[in-house]
Amino acid sequence: MDKNQVRETIARRAAIELKDGDVVNLGIGLPT
């Protein structure tokens, strides 16, 4: 699994788990 696939997997999981109106801080834990 390459870096882009990992990011897509994380994004899909977040989209499933988050509800409308949730606030998320993406400043920590996601390497760029």
N, C-alpha and C. Protein backbone atom coordinates (compact mmCIF):
# COMPACT_ATOMS: atom_id res chain seq x y z
N MET A 1 0.86 -1.18 0.00
CA MET A 1 0.00 0.00 0.00
C MET A 1 0.91 1.24 0.00
N ASP A 2 0.77 2.08 -1.01
CA ASP A 2 1.63 3.27 -1.07
C ASP A 2 1.03 4.41 -0.25
N LYS A 3 1.77 5.50 -0.19
CA LYS A 3 1.38 6.64 0.66
C LYS A 3 0.00 7.20 0.28
N ASN A 4 -0.28 7.30 -1.01
CA ASN A 4 -1.57 7.84 -1.44
C ASN A 4 -2.72 6.91 -1.07
N GLN A 5 -2.50 5.61 -1.16
CA GLN A 5 -3.54 4.65 -0.78
C GLN A 5 -3.82 4.73 0.72
N VAL A 6 -2.77 4.92 1.51
CA VAL A 6 -2.94 5.05 2.96
C VAL A 6 -3.78 6.29 3.26
N ARG A 7 -3.45 7.41 2.62
CA ARG A 7 -4.21 8.65 2.84
C ARG A 7 -5.67 8.48 2.44
N GLU A 8 -5.91 7.82 1.32
CA GLU A 8 -7.28 7.62 0.86
C GLU A 8 -8.05 6.74 1.84
N THR A 9 -7.40 5.71 2.36
CA THR A 9 -8.03 4.83 3.34
C THR A 9 -8.41 5.61 4.60
N ILE A 10 -7.50 6.45 5.07
CA ILE A 10 -7.78 7.26 6.26
C ILE A 10 -8.95 8.21 5.99
N ALA A 11 -8.94 8.85 4.82
CA ALA A 11 -10.01 9.79 4.47
C ALA A 11 -11.36 9.10 4.38
N ARG A 12 -11.39 7.91 3.78
CA ARG A 12 -12.65 7.16 3.68
C ARG A 12 -13.18 6.79 5.06
N ARG A 13 -12.29 6.34 5.93
CA ARG A 13 -12.68 5.96 7.29
C ARG A 13 -13.23 7.17 8.04
N ALA A 14 -12.56 8.31 7.91
CA ALA A 14 -13.02 9.53 8.58
C ALA A 14 -14.39 9.94 8.05
N ALA A 15 -14.59 9.84 6.74
CA ALA A 15 -15.87 10.22 6.14
C ALA A 15 -17.01 9.34 6.67
N ILE A 16 -16.71 8.09 6.91
CA ILE A 16 -17.74 7.16 7.43
C ILE A 16 -18.06 7.49 8.90
N GLU A 17 -17.02 7.77 9.69
CA GLU A 17 -17.20 7.93 11.13
C GLU A 17 -17.72 9.30 11.55
N LEU A 18 -17.42 10.33 10.77
CA LEU A 18 -17.81 11.69 11.17
C LEU A 18 -19.26 11.98 10.83
N LYS A 19 -19.90 12.72 11.71
CA LYS A 19 -21.27 13.15 11.48
C LYS A 19 -21.27 14.61 11.03
N ASP A 20 -22.31 15.03 10.37
CA ASP A 20 -22.43 16.41 9.92
C ASP A 20 -22.31 17.36 11.10
N GLY A 21 -21.43 18.33 11.00
CA GLY A 21 -21.24 19.30 12.06
C GLY A 21 -20.09 18.99 12.99
N ASP A 22 -19.50 17.80 12.89
CA ASP A 22 -18.35 17.45 13.72
C ASP A 22 -17.16 18.35 13.37
N VAL A 23 -16.34 18.63 14.38
CA VAL A 23 -15.14 19.45 14.17
C VAL A 23 -13.92 18.56 14.38
N VAL A 24 -12.96 18.66 13.47
CA VAL A 24 -11.77 17.80 13.52
C VAL A 24 -10.51 18.65 13.40
N ASN A 25 -9.54 18.40 14.26
CA ASN A 25 -8.23 19.05 14.15
C ASN A 25 -7.30 18.10 13.41
N LEU A 26 -6.89 18.47 12.20
CA LEU A 26 -6.01 17.63 11.40
C LEU A 26 -4.55 18.07 11.52
N GLY A 27 -4.24 18.89 12.50
CA GLY A 27 -2.90 19.44 12.63
C GLY A 27 -1.89 18.49 13.25
N ILE A 28 -2.35 17.38 13.82
CA ILE A 28 -1.45 16.46 14.52
C ILE A 28 -1.70 15.04 14.02
N GLY A 29 -0.62 14.31 13.76
CA GLY A 29 -0.75 12.89 13.46
C GLY A 29 -0.86 12.53 12.00
N LEU A 30 -0.95 13.51 11.11
CA LEU A 30 -0.99 13.20 9.68
C LEU A 30 0.27 13.75 9.03
N PRO A 31 1.23 12.89 8.76
CA PRO A 31 2.47 13.37 8.13
C PRO A 31 2.21 13.91 6.72
N THR A 32 2.97 14.90 6.35
CA THR A 32 2.80 15.49 5.02
C THR A 32 3.95 15.11 4.12
